[in-house]
Structure formats: structure tokens, C-alpha cells
Amino acid sequence: MRVLGLDLGDRRIGIAVSDETGTVAQGRGVYLRRGEEEALSHLAELCRRERVETIVVGLPLNMDSSEGVQARKARAFARALADRTGLPVELLDERLTTAEADRVLKEAGLRERKRRRVRDELAAVLILQAWLDCRRGPGQEAGAPDH
């Protein structure tokens, strides 16, 4: 089962796709937004090309779990993407994902300019990997057979 993971931003969308077993998230770059229709078309084509069966969109909740403007935008985009692709779209709480991506990139020694280029892609990987791990369930390691 292939799954697409997205970290939505106003200007950029970080993209990740799972391997065919639905176990490991892999970065697929960053899409620079040039309007919602173009973004939806690009992602729908990517889903077709990669044989994606499910889409996971990061939901940027506030620290108190309430939904602000960005969360409402994410929900609306997720609905539009589901309509465009005909695929199930799930939302995953992504609080602190971008901060975690930035921390990992800093620890790797990347300068700010380079971090900005890859932060959204890494955030999408973290979102998708968290979703894949939740689906696998407790006690099951990545790559371990399901019994």
C-alpha cells in the first residue's frame, strides 16, 4: 500500500511517499505552490504515477489542541484533494513536526539556507512515518511481519 504524506504551507508543500509495503516514508521533495488548482493537479498526478492508495495531510493544531486558520486551511485542502483524487485523505496532528525537522537538520550541521530548502520535505517524512507507525501498532517494528 503506497501512502502520500503532505506538510502543507502557504508557499510550499513538503512531500513524502511510503515504500510499497507501507512501512517506510521517503522524501519526494517540495512543491512550490502557484495556486490551489495547480497544486491539486500536481498532487493528483503524483498519486496516479506513484499508485498512491491513501493520503495523509498534516493538521497544524495549536498547542492547546484548538484549530486556527492554518488547520482550517489544511482541512479545506484535504477535502479538495479527496474530491480531486477520489482517494481517502486522513489528517494527522502535526504539532512540532516542523520544529523537529529543523532540530534534526541543525544537528546535521546544515546552514539555514539549506535547512529552509529541505525542512518541509523532512516534515512530510515525519508526518507520514508517524502515521505509518500508528497503523502498524505497538510492538511491531518497521519491516517486521504482521501476525
N, C-alpha and C. Protein backbone atom coordinates (compact mmCIF):
# COMPACT_ATOMS: atom_id res chain seq x y z
N MET A 1 0.85 -1.19 0.00
CA MET A 1 0.00 0.00 0.00
C MET A 1 0.89 1.24 0.00
N ARG A 2 0.77 2.05 -0.99
CA ARG A 2 1.52 3.30 -1.07
C ARG A 2 0.70 4.42 -0.45
N VAL A 3 1.37 5.26 0.36
CA VAL A 3 0.71 6.36 1.05
C VAL A 3 1.49 7.63 0.77
N LEU A 4 0.77 8.71 0.50
CA LEU A 4 1.36 10.03 0.28
C LEU A 4 1.23 10.84 1.56
N GLY A 5 2.30 11.47 1.99
CA GLY A 5 2.27 12.34 3.16
C GLY A 5 2.58 13.76 2.76
N LEU A 6 1.82 14.72 3.30
CA LEU A 6 1.99 16.13 2.93
C LEU A 6 2.13 17.02 4.16
N ASP A 7 3.09 17.94 4.07
CA ASP A 7 3.23 19.02 5.04
C ASP A 7 2.85 20.29 4.29
N LEU A 8 1.66 20.81 4.57
CA LEU A 8 1.15 21.96 3.83
C LEU A 8 1.66 23.27 4.40
N GLY A 9 2.06 24.14 3.51
CA GLY A 9 2.40 25.50 3.88
C GLY A 9 1.74 26.44 2.88
N ASP A 10 1.74 27.72 3.18
CA ASP A 10 1.13 28.68 2.25
C ASP A 10 1.92 28.78 0.95
N ARG A 11 3.24 28.59 1.02
CA ARG A 11 4.09 28.70 -0.18
C ARG A 11 4.65 27.38 -0.66
N ARG A 12 4.86 26.44 0.26
CA ARG A 12 5.48 25.17 -0.09
C ARG A 12 4.69 24.00 0.48
N ILE A 13 4.76 22.87 -0.22
CA ILE A 13 4.17 21.63 0.26
C ILE A 13 5.28 20.59 0.30
N GLY A 14 5.61 20.11 1.50
CA GLY A 14 6.57 19.03 1.63
C GLY A 14 5.89 17.72 1.27
N ILE A 15 6.60 16.87 0.54
CA ILE A 15 6.00 15.64 0.02
C ILE A 15 6.84 14.43 0.44
N ALA A 16 6.15 13.39 0.88
CA ALA A 16 6.77 12.10 1.18
C ALA A 16 5.84 11.00 0.66
N VAL A 17 6.43 9.87 0.29
CA VAL A 17 5.67 8.71 -0.17
C VAL A 17 6.23 7.50 0.55
N SER A 18 5.35 6.59 0.91
CA SER A 18 5.82 5.37 1.57
C SER A 18 6.37 4.40 0.54
N ASP A 19 7.14 3.44 1.02
CA ASP A 19 7.55 2.34 0.15
C ASP A 19 6.30 1.50 -0.14
N GLU A 20 6.44 0.51 -1.01
CA GLU A 20 5.28 -0.28 -1.43
C GLU A 20 4.67 -1.10 -0.30
N THR A 21 5.45 -1.39 0.74
CA THR A 21 4.92 -2.17 1.86
C THR A 21 4.19 -1.30 2.88
N GLY A 22 4.24 0.03 2.69
CA GLY A 22 3.60 0.93 3.64
C GLY A 22 4.31 0.96 4.98
N THR A 23 5.64 0.81 4.94
CA THR A 23 6.43 0.72 6.16
C THR A 23 7.31 1.94 6.40
N VAL A 24 7.96 2.43 5.34
CA VAL A 24 8.96 3.48 5.48
C VAL A 24 8.60 4.69 4.61
N ALA A 25 8.64 5.88 5.22
CA ALA A 25 8.38 7.13 4.49
C ALA A 25 9.67 7.60 3.82
N GLN A 26 9.53 8.07 2.59
CA GLN A 26 10.67 8.56 1.83
C GLN A 26 10.33 9.94 1.27
N GLY A 27 11.25 10.88 1.42
CA GLY A 27 11.02 12.23 0.91
C GLY A 27 10.93 12.26 -0.60
N ARG A 28 10.02 13.11 -1.10
CA ARG A 28 9.86 13.29 -2.55
C ARG A 28 9.96 14.75 -2.95
N GLY A 29 10.58 15.56 -2.10
CA GLY A 29 10.81 16.95 -2.46
C GLY A 29 9.77 17.91 -1.92
N VAL A 30 9.84 19.11 -2.47
CA VAL A 30 8.95 20.20 -2.06
C VAL A 30 8.30 20.77 -3.31
N TYR A 31 7.00 20.96 -3.24
CA TYR A 31 6.26 21.58 -4.35
C TYR A 31 6.05 23.04 -4.00
N LEU A 32 6.46 23.94 -4.88
CA LEU A 32 6.24 25.37 -4.69
C LEU A 32 4.87 25.72 -5.22
N ARG A 33 4.01 26.20 -4.34
CA ARG A 33 2.62 26.47 -4.70
C ARG A 33 2.50 27.66 -5.64
N ARG A 34 1.67 27.47 -6.66
CA ARG A 34 1.34 28.54 -7.60
C ARG A 34 -0.18 28.59 -7.78
N GLY A 35 -0.88 28.39 -6.70
CA GLY A 35 -2.34 28.37 -6.75
C GLY A 35 -2.87 27.00 -6.38
N GLU A 36 -4.06 27.00 -5.81
CA GLU A 36 -4.63 25.74 -5.32
C GLU A 36 -4.93 24.75 -6.44
N GLU A 37 -5.51 25.20 -7.53
CA GLU A 37 -5.86 24.28 -8.62
C GLU A 37 -4.62 23.59 -9.18
N GLU A 38 -3.55 24.35 -9.37
CA GLU A 38 -2.32 23.77 -9.89
C GLU A 38 -1.72 22.78 -8.89
N ALA A 39 -1.78 23.10 -7.60
CA ALA A 39 -1.27 22.20 -6.57
C ALA A 39 -2.08 20.90 -6.54
N LEU A 40 -3.40 21.02 -6.61
CA LEU A 40 -4.25 19.83 -6.62
C LEU A 40 -3.97 18.96 -7.85
N SER A 41 -3.80 19.57 -9.00
CA SER A 41 -3.49 18.82 -10.22
C SER A 41 -2.15 18.11 -10.10
N HIS A 42 -1.15 18.83 -9.60
CA HIS A 42 0.18 18.24 -9.43
C HIS A 42 0.13 17.03 -8.49
N LEU A 43 -0.55 17.17 -7.36
CA LEU A 43 -0.62 16.08 -6.38
C LEU A 43 -1.46 14.91 -6.89
N ALA A 44 -2.52 15.20 -7.63
CA ALA A 44 -3.34 14.14 -8.20
C ALA A 44 -2.52 13.32 -9.20
N GLU A 45 -1.72 13.99 -10.00
CA GLU A 45 -0.85 13.30 -10.97
C GLU A 45 0.19 12.47 -10.23
N LEU A 46 0.77 13.02 -9.17
CA LEU A 46 1.74 12.28 -8.37
C LEU A 46 1.11 11.01 -7.78
N CYS A 47 -0.11 11.14 -7.29
CA CYS A 47 -0.81 9.98 -6.73
C CYS A 47 -1.02 8.90 -7.79
N ARG A 48 -1.39 9.34 -8.98
CA ARG A 48 -1.60 8.39 -10.07
C ARG A 48 -0.28 7.70 -10.44
N ARG A 49 0.75 8.49 -10.61
CA ARG A 49 2.06 7.98 -11.02
C ARG A 49 2.66 7.03 -9.98
N GLU A 50 2.49 7.35 -8.70
CA GLU A 50 3.06 6.54 -7.63
C GLU A 50 2.12 5.44 -7.13
N ARG A 51 0.93 5.34 -7.73
CA ARG A 51 -0.08 4.35 -7.32
C ARG A 51 -0.42 4.46 -5.84
N VAL A 52 -0.64 5.70 -5.40
CA VAL A 52 -0.99 6.00 -4.00
C VAL A 52 -2.42 5.54 -3.73
N GLU A 53 -2.62 4.96 -2.54
CA GLU A 53 -3.94 4.48 -2.15
C GLU A 53 -4.56 5.32 -1.04
N THR A 54 -3.72 6.04 -0.28
CA THR A 54 -4.19 6.86 0.83
C THR A 54 -3.31 8.09 0.92
N ILE A 55 -3.89 9.20 1.36
CA ILE A 55 -3.14 10.45 1.53
C ILE A 55 -3.25 10.87 2.99
N VAL A 56 -2.11 11.30 3.56
CA VAL A 56 -2.08 11.80 4.93
C VAL A 56 -1.62 13.25 4.88
N VAL A 57 -2.43 14.13 5.44
CA VAL A 57 -2.13 15.56 5.46
C VAL A 57 -1.90 15.99 6.90
N GLY A 58 -0.81 16.70 7.13
CA GLY A 58 -0.53 17.21 8.47
C GLY A 58 -1.55 18.27 8.86
N LEU A 59 -2.07 18.15 10.08
CA LEU A 59 -3.05 19.11 10.60
C LEU A 59 -2.36 19.95 11.67
N PRO A 60 -2.10 21.22 11.37
CA PRO A 60 -1.35 22.07 12.31
C PRO A 60 -2.24 22.65 13.42
N LEU A 61 -2.46 21.84 14.44
CA LEU A 61 -3.26 22.29 15.58
C LEU A 61 -2.44 23.24 16.44
N ASN A 62 -3.15 24.08 17.20
CA ASN A 62 -2.48 24.93 18.17
C ASN A 62 -2.03 24.06 19.34
N MET A 63 -1.14 24.58 20.17
CA MET A 63 -0.62 23.80 21.28
C MET A 63 -1.71 23.36 22.26
N ASP A 64 -2.81 24.10 22.32
CA ASP A 64 -3.92 23.71 23.20
C ASP A 64 -4.94 22.80 22.50
N SER A 65 -4.55 22.27 21.34
CA SER A 65 -5.37 21.36 20.52
C SER A 65 -6.49 22.04 19.75
N SER A 66 -6.61 23.36 19.86
CA SER A 66 -7.64 24.06 19.10
C SER A 66 -7.18 24.22 17.65
N GLU A 67 -8.14 24.53 16.80
CA GLU A 67 -7.84 24.72 15.38
C GLU A 67 -7.83 26.20 15.04
N GLY A 68 -6.76 26.64 14.44
CA GLY A 68 -6.65 28.01 13.99
C GLY A 68 -6.83 28.09 12.48
N VAL A 69 -6.42 29.19 11.92
CA VAL A 69 -6.55 29.44 10.48
C VAL A 69 -5.84 28.37 9.66
N GLN A 70 -4.60 28.04 10.03
CA GLN A 70 -3.84 27.06 9.24
C GLN A 70 -4.49 25.68 9.27
N ALA A 71 -5.04 25.29 10.39
CA ALA A 71 -5.72 23.99 10.47
C ALA A 71 -6.97 23.99 9.59
N ARG A 72 -7.71 25.08 9.59
CA ARG A 72 -8.89 25.16 8.71
C ARG A 72 -8.48 25.10 7.24
N LYS A 73 -7.37 25.76 6.90
CA LYS A 73 -6.87 25.69 5.51
C LYS A 73 -6.48 24.25 5.16
N ALA A 74 -5.84 23.56 6.09
CA ALA A 74 -5.43 22.17 5.84
C ALA A 74 -6.64 21.27 5.63
N ARG A 75 -7.67 21.46 6.47
CA ARG A 75 -8.90 20.66 6.31
C ARG A 75 -9.54 20.91 4.94
N ALA A 76 -9.62 22.17 4.54
CA ALA A 76 -10.23 22.51 3.25
C ALA A 76 -9.42 21.91 2.09
N PHE A 77 -8.10 22.02 2.18
CA PHE A 77 -7.25 21.46 1.12
C PHE A 77 -7.39 19.94 1.08
N ALA A 78 -7.45 19.30 2.24
CA ALA A 78 -7.61 17.85 2.30
C ALA A 78 -8.92 17.42 1.64
N ARG A 79 -9.99 18.16 1.91
CA ARG A 79 -11.29 17.84 1.27
C ARG A 79 -11.19 17.99 -0.25
N ALA A 80 -10.57 19.08 -0.69
CA ALA A 80 -10.43 19.32 -2.13
C ALA A 80 -9.57 18.22 -2.78
N LEU A 81 -8.53 17.79 -2.08
CA LEU A 81 -7.65 16.74 -2.62
C LEU A 81 -8.39 15.40 -2.69
N ALA A 82 -9.20 15.12 -1.69
CA ALA A 82 -10.00 13.89 -1.71
C ALA A 82 -10.98 13.92 -2.89
N ASP A 83 -11.61 15.07 -3.11
CA ASP A 83 -12.54 15.21 -4.24
C ASP A 83 -11.81 15.04 -5.57
N ARG A 84 -10.63 15.62 -5.69
CA ARG A 84 -9.87 15.57 -6.94
C ARG A 84 -9.35 14.18 -7.24
N THR A 85 -8.88 13.46 -6.22
CA THR A 85 -8.23 12.17 -6.45
C THR A 85 -9.16 10.97 -6.27
N GLY A 86 -10.24 11.15 -5.50
CA GLY A 86 -11.10 10.02 -5.18
C GLY A 86 -10.48 9.09 -4.15
N LEU A 87 -9.39 9.53 -3.52
CA LEU A 87 -8.69 8.72 -2.52
C LEU A 87 -9.07 9.14 -1.11
N PRO A 88 -8.95 8.22 -0.15
CA PRO A 88 -9.17 8.62 1.24
C PRO A 88 -8.05 9.54 1.69
N VAL A 89 -8.42 10.60 2.40
CA VAL A 89 -7.44 11.54 2.94
C VAL A 89 -7.64 11.59 4.44
N GLU A 90 -6.56 11.34 5.16
CA GLU A 90 -6.59 11.39 6.62
C GLU A 90 -5.75 12.56 7.10
N LEU A 91 -6.17 13.12 8.22
CA LEU A 91 -5.43 14.23 8.84
C LEU A 91 -4.69 13.71 10.06
N LEU A 92 -3.47 14.19 10.26
CA LEU A 92 -2.66 13.77 11.41
C LEU A 92 -2.13 15.01 12.11
N ASP A 93 -2.33 15.06 13.41
CA ASP A 93 -1.81 16.16 14.23
C ASP A 93 -0.31 16.30 13.97
N GLU A 94 0.10 17.46 13.51
CA GLU A 94 1.50 17.66 13.15
C GLU A 94 2.20 18.68 14.04
N ARG A 95 1.63 18.94 15.21
CA ARG A 95 2.27 19.91 16.10
C ARG A 95 3.74 19.57 16.29
N LEU A 96 4.56 20.58 16.18
CA LEU A 96 6.00 20.49 16.40
C LEU A 96 6.77 19.72 15.33
N THR A 97 6.11 19.25 14.29
CA THR A 97 6.80 18.49 13.25
C THR A 97 7.86 19.34 12.54
N THR A 98 7.51 20.57 12.17
CA THR A 98 8.47 21.44 11.50
C THR A 98 9.62 21.79 12.45
N ALA A 99 9.30 22.02 13.72
CA ALA A 99 10.35 22.30 14.70
C ALA A 99 11.28 21.10 14.84
N GLU A 100 10.72 19.90 14.86
CA GLU A 100 11.53 18.68 14.94
C GLU A 100 12.41 18.53 13.70
N ALA A 101 11.85 18.80 12.54
CA ALA A 101 12.62 18.73 11.30
C ALA A 101 13.78 19.72 11.35
N ASP A 102 13.51 20.93 11.81
CA ASP A 102 14.55 21.94 11.91
C ASP A 102 15.64 21.52 12.89
N ARG A 103 15.25 20.92 14.01
CA ARG A 103 16.22 20.45 15.00
C ARG A 103 17.13 19.38 14.40
N VAL A 104 16.54 18.42 13.69
CA VAL A 104 17.32 17.34 13.07
C VAL A 104 18.30 17.92 12.06
N LEU A 105 17.84 18.88 11.26
CA LEU A 105 18.70 19.47 10.24
C LEU A 105 19.82 20.31 10.85
N LYS A 106 19.52 20.99 11.95
CA LYS A 106 20.57 21.75 12.66
C LYS A 106 21.62 20.80 13.19
N GLU A 107 21.17 19.72 13.81
CA GLU A 107 22.10 18.73 14.37
C GLU A 107 22.96 18.11 13.27
N ALA A 108 22.42 18.04 12.06
CA ALA A 108 23.18 17.51 10.94
C ALA A 108 24.18 18.53 10.39
N GLY A 109 24.12 19.75 10.93
CA GLY A 109 25.09 20.77 10.54
C GLY A 109 24.72 21.57 9.31
N LEU A 110 23.46 21.52 8.88
CA LEU A 110 23.05 22.27 7.70
C LEU A 110 22.86 23.74 8.04
N ARG A 111 23.32 24.57 7.15
CA ARG A 111 23.15 26.02 7.31
C ARG A 111 21.68 26.37 7.07
N GLU A 112 21.28 27.55 7.57
CA GLU A 112 19.88 27.99 7.49
C GLU A 112 19.34 27.94 6.07
N ARG A 113 20.10 28.39 5.11
CA ARG A 113 19.62 28.41 3.72
C ARG A 113 19.29 27.00 3.23
N LYS A 114 20.16 26.05 3.49
CA LYS A 114 19.93 24.66 3.08
C LYS A 114 18.78 24.05 3.88
N ARG A 115 18.69 24.37 5.19
CA ARG A 115 17.61 23.85 6.02
C ARG A 115 16.25 24.26 5.47
N ARG A 116 16.15 25.53 5.04
CA ARG A 116 14.87 26.01 4.51
C ARG A 116 14.44 25.21 3.30
N ARG A 117 15.41 24.75 2.49
CA ARG A 117 15.07 24.00 1.27
C ARG A 117 14.57 22.59 1.56
N VAL A 118 15.00 22.00 2.66
CA VAL A 118 14.63 20.61 2.91
C VAL A 118 13.72 20.40 4.12
N ARG A 119 13.50 21.44 4.91
CA ARG A 119 12.69 21.34 6.13
C ARG A 119 11.28 20.81 5.84
N ASP A 120 10.61 21.32 4.83
CA ASP A 120 9.24 20.92 4.55
C ASP A 120 9.16 19.46 4.09
N GLU A 121 10.16 19.03 3.32
CA GLU A 121 10.19 17.63 2.89
C GLU A 121 10.40 16.72 4.09
N LEU A 122 11.32 17.07 4.98
CA LEU A 122 11.56 16.26 6.17
C LEU A 122 10.32 16.26 7.08
N ALA A 123 9.64 17.38 7.18
CA ALA A 123 8.40 17.43 7.98
C ALA A 123 7.36 16.47 7.40
N ALA A 124 7.26 16.40 6.07
CA ALA A 124 6.33 15.46 5.44
C ALA A 124 6.73 14.02 5.74
N VAL A 125 8.03 13.74 5.73
CA VAL A 125 8.51 12.40 6.07
C VAL A 125 8.12 12.06 7.52
N LEU A 126 8.32 13.00 8.44
CA LEU A 126 7.99 12.76 9.84
C LEU A 126 6.49 12.53 10.03
N ILE A 127 5.67 13.31 9.34
CA ILE A 127 4.21 13.15 9.42
C ILE A 127 3.81 11.76 8.92
N LEU A 128 4.31 11.41 7.73
CA LEU A 128 3.94 10.12 7.14
C LEU A 128 4.47 8.96 7.98
N GLN A 129 5.70 9.06 8.46
CA GLN A 129 6.26 7.97 9.25
C GLN A 129 5.47 7.78 10.55
N ALA A 130 5.04 8.87 11.17
CA ALA A 130 4.23 8.76 12.39
C ALA A 130 2.92 8.04 12.08
N TRP A 131 2.30 8.37 10.95
CA TRP A 131 1.05 7.72 10.56
C TRP A 131 1.28 6.23 10.29
N LEU A 132 2.34 5.91 9.56
CA LEU A 132 2.65 4.51 9.27
C LEU A 132 2.92 3.73 10.55
N ASP A 133 3.66 4.34 11.47
CA ASP A 133 3.96 3.68 12.74
C ASP A 133 2.70 3.42 13.55
N CYS A 134 1.77 4.38 13.55
CA CYS A 134 0.50 4.20 14.28
C CYS A 134 -0.32 3.07 13.67
N ARG A 135 -0.30 2.97 12.37
CA ARG A 135 -1.05 1.91 11.67
C ARG A 135 -0.48 0.53 11.96
N ARG A 136 0.83 0.48 12.14
CA ARG A 136 1.50 -0.79 12.40
C ARG A 136 1.14 -1.31 13.78
N GLY A 137 0.98 -0.40 14.74
CA GLY A 137 0.58 -0.80 16.08
C GLY A 137 1.77 -0.99 17.00
N PRO A 138 1.50 -1.02 18.30
CA PRO A 138 2.58 -1.16 19.29
C PRO A 138 3.24 -2.52 19.20
N GLY A 139 4.54 -2.52 19.43
CA GLY A 139 5.27 -3.77 19.47
C GLY A 139 5.71 -4.31 18.12
N GLN A 140 5.26 -3.70 17.04
CA GLN A 140 5.67 -4.14 15.72
C GLN A 140 6.73 -3.19 15.20
N GLU A 141 7.84 -3.72 14.81
CA GLU A 141 8.92 -2.90 14.28
C GLU A 141 8.76 -2.73 12.78
N ALA A 142 9.35 -1.68 12.25
CA ALA A 142 9.33 -1.46 10.80
C ALA A 142 9.95 -2.67 10.13
N GLY A 143 9.25 -3.21 9.15
CA GLY A 143 9.75 -4.34 8.40
C GLY A 143 9.41 -5.69 9.03
N ALA A 144 8.88 -5.69 10.26
CA ALA A 144 8.51 -6.95 10.90
C ALA A 144 7.20 -7.45 10.31
N PRO A 145 7.08 -8.74 10.13
CA PRO A 145 5.83 -9.27 9.55
C PRO A 145 4.67 -9.11 10.53
N ASP A 146 3.50 -8.87 10.01
CA ASP A 146 2.28 -8.79 10.82
C ASP A 146 1.79 -10.20 11.11
N HIS A 147 1.50 -10.49 12.36
CA HIS A 147 0.96 -11.81 12.71
C HIS A 147 -0.42 -11.65 13.28
